[in-house]
Protein backbone atom coordinates (compact mmCIF):
# COMPACT_ATOMS: atom_id res chain seq x y z
CA UNK A 1 0.00 0.00 0.00
CA UNK A 2 1.47 3.40 -0.92
CA UNK A 3 2.32 5.79 1.88
CA UNK A 4 0.32 9.00 1.95
CA UNK A 5 1.43 12.22 3.63
CA UNK A 6 -1.53 13.30 5.77
CA UNK A 7 -0.04 16.21 7.71
CA UNK A 8 2.43 18.33 5.78
CA UNK A 9 3.04 20.62 8.79
CA UNK A 10 4.46 17.74 10.86
CA UNK A 11 5.34 15.34 8.00
CA UNK A 12 3.07 12.58 9.31
CA UNK A 13 2.02 9.69 7.09
CA UNK A 14 -1.18 7.67 7.17
CA UNK A 15 0.85 4.62 8.23
CA UNK A 16 2.17 6.45 11.30
CA UNK A 17 -1.33 7.54 12.24
CA UNK A 18 -2.72 4.01 11.77
CA UNK A 19 0.06 2.53 13.91
CA UNK A 20 -0.68 4.95 16.76
CA UNK A 21 -4.41 4.23 16.53
CA UNK A 22 -3.82 0.48 16.65
CA UNK A 23 -1.54 0.90 19.68
CA UNK A 24 -4.29 2.90 21.40
CA UNK A 25 -6.91 0.30 20.53
CA UNK A 26 -4.66 -2.47 21.85
CA UNK A 27 -4.53 -0.60 25.17
CA UNK A 28 -8.30 -0.01 25.32
CA UNK A 29 -10.35 -1.04 22.31
CA UNK A 30 -13.36 1.05 23.40
CA UNK A 31 -11.65 4.36 24.03
CA UNK A 32 -12.64 7.46 22.14
CA UNK A 33 -9.85 8.43 19.77
CA UNK A 34 -9.70 11.97 18.39
CA UNK A 35 -7.02 13.74 16.31
CA UNK A 36 -5.61 15.62 19.31
CA UNK A 37 -5.09 12.36 21.17
CA UNK A 38 -3.34 10.81 18.16
CA UNK A 39 -1.04 13.81 17.78
CA UNK A 40 -0.28 13.85 21.51
CA UNK A 41 0.71 10.16 21.33
CA UNK A 42 3.14 11.07 18.52
CA UNK A 43 4.43 14.00 20.60
CA UNK A 44 3.20 16.39 17.91
CA UNK A 45 0.52 19.07 17.84
CA UNK A 46 -1.87 20.29 15.22
CA UNK A 47 -0.60 23.43 13.59
CA UNK A 48 -2.98 24.50 10.83
CA UNK A 49 -5.28 21.51 11.65
CA UNK A 50 -6.31 21.24 8.00
CA UNK A 51 -5.46 17.54 8.18
CA UNK A 52 -7.83 16.80 11.07
CA UNK A 53 -10.80 15.79 8.84
CA UNK A 54 -8.53 13.27 7.09
CA UNK A 55 -7.21 12.07 10.45
CA UNK A 56 -10.81 11.52 11.60
CA UNK A 57 -11.45 9.45 8.46
CA UNK A 58 -8.33 7.36 9.23
CA UNK A 59 -9.44 6.93 12.86
CA UNK A 60 -12.88 5.71 11.76
CA UNK A 61 -11.55 3.33 9.12
CA UNK A 62 -8.77 1.94 11.32
CA UNK A 63 -11.10 1.46 14.28
CA UNK A 64 -13.71 -0.19 12.10
CA UNK A 65 -11.10 -2.55 10.60
CA UNK A 66 -9.67 -3.29 14.05
CA UNK A 67 -13.03 -4.35 15.45
CA UNK A 68 -14.04 -6.22 12.32
CA UNK A 69 -10.81 -8.24 12.43
CA UNK A 70 -11.03 -8.89 16.16
CA UNK A 71 -12.37 -12.24 17.25
CA UNK A 72 -15.74 -10.73 18.17
CA UNK A 73 -19.02 -11.54 16.54
CA UNK A 74 -20.90 -8.59 17.93
CA UNK A 75 -22.80 -6.81 15.14
CA UNK A 76 -23.36 -3.81 17.41
CA UNK A 77 -19.71 -2.81 16.86
CA UNK A 78 -20.20 -2.42 13.10
CA UNK A 79 -23.56 -0.75 13.68
CA UNK A 80 -21.91 1.79 15.99
CA UNK A 81 -19.09 2.37 13.52
CA UNK A 82 -21.58 2.95 10.71
CA UNK A 83 -23.52 5.41 12.86
CA UNK A 84 -20.25 7.17 13.71
CA UNK A 85 -19.30 7.32 10.02
CA UNK A 86 -22.75 8.74 9.14
CA UNK A 87 -22.42 11.37 11.87
CA UNK A 88 -18.95 12.32 10.62
CA UNK A 89 -20.21 12.61 7.03
CA UNK A 90 -23.13 14.76 8.16
CA UNK A 91 -20.77 17.09 10.02
CA UNK A 92 -18.44 17.38 7.02
CA UNK A 93 -21.41 18.23 4.79
CA UNK A 94 -22.66 20.86 7.25
CA UNK A 95 -19.20 22.46 7.44
CA UNK A 96 -18.92 22.48 3.64
CA UNK A 97 -22.33 24.13 3.38
CA UNK A 98 -21.32 26.78 5.90
CA UNK A 99 -18.09 27.49 4.03
CA UNK A 100 -19.83 27.88 0.68
CA UNK A 101 -22.60 30.06 2.20
CA UNK A 102 -20.16 32.61 3.64
CA UNK A 103 -19.93 35.84 1.70
CA UNK A 104 -16.58 36.41 0.06
CA UNK A 105 -14.59 39.21 1.67
CA UNK A 106 -12.71 41.44 -0.75
């Protein structure tokens, strides 16, 4: 799988982010993981924070894959992950609508 640069401010790749997320899930598979927590674990901090929406996508996908591959047969996990993904998509759409509705300042 090709490596993708997610955060150009800190030069962080998707693989580094996934590794940190997996380490966190191995410690506590039900913890809430947010971009700030991931960056703190890497001893970094968000600078422009433009990468945070992509980091959230990576968190969701990695967490979903982690639970799907675990030896659990609990469908509620996937249901929760789908609801979380839907919520995230709704929030991204709302933010995009707000950005496009703002009047342009000259």
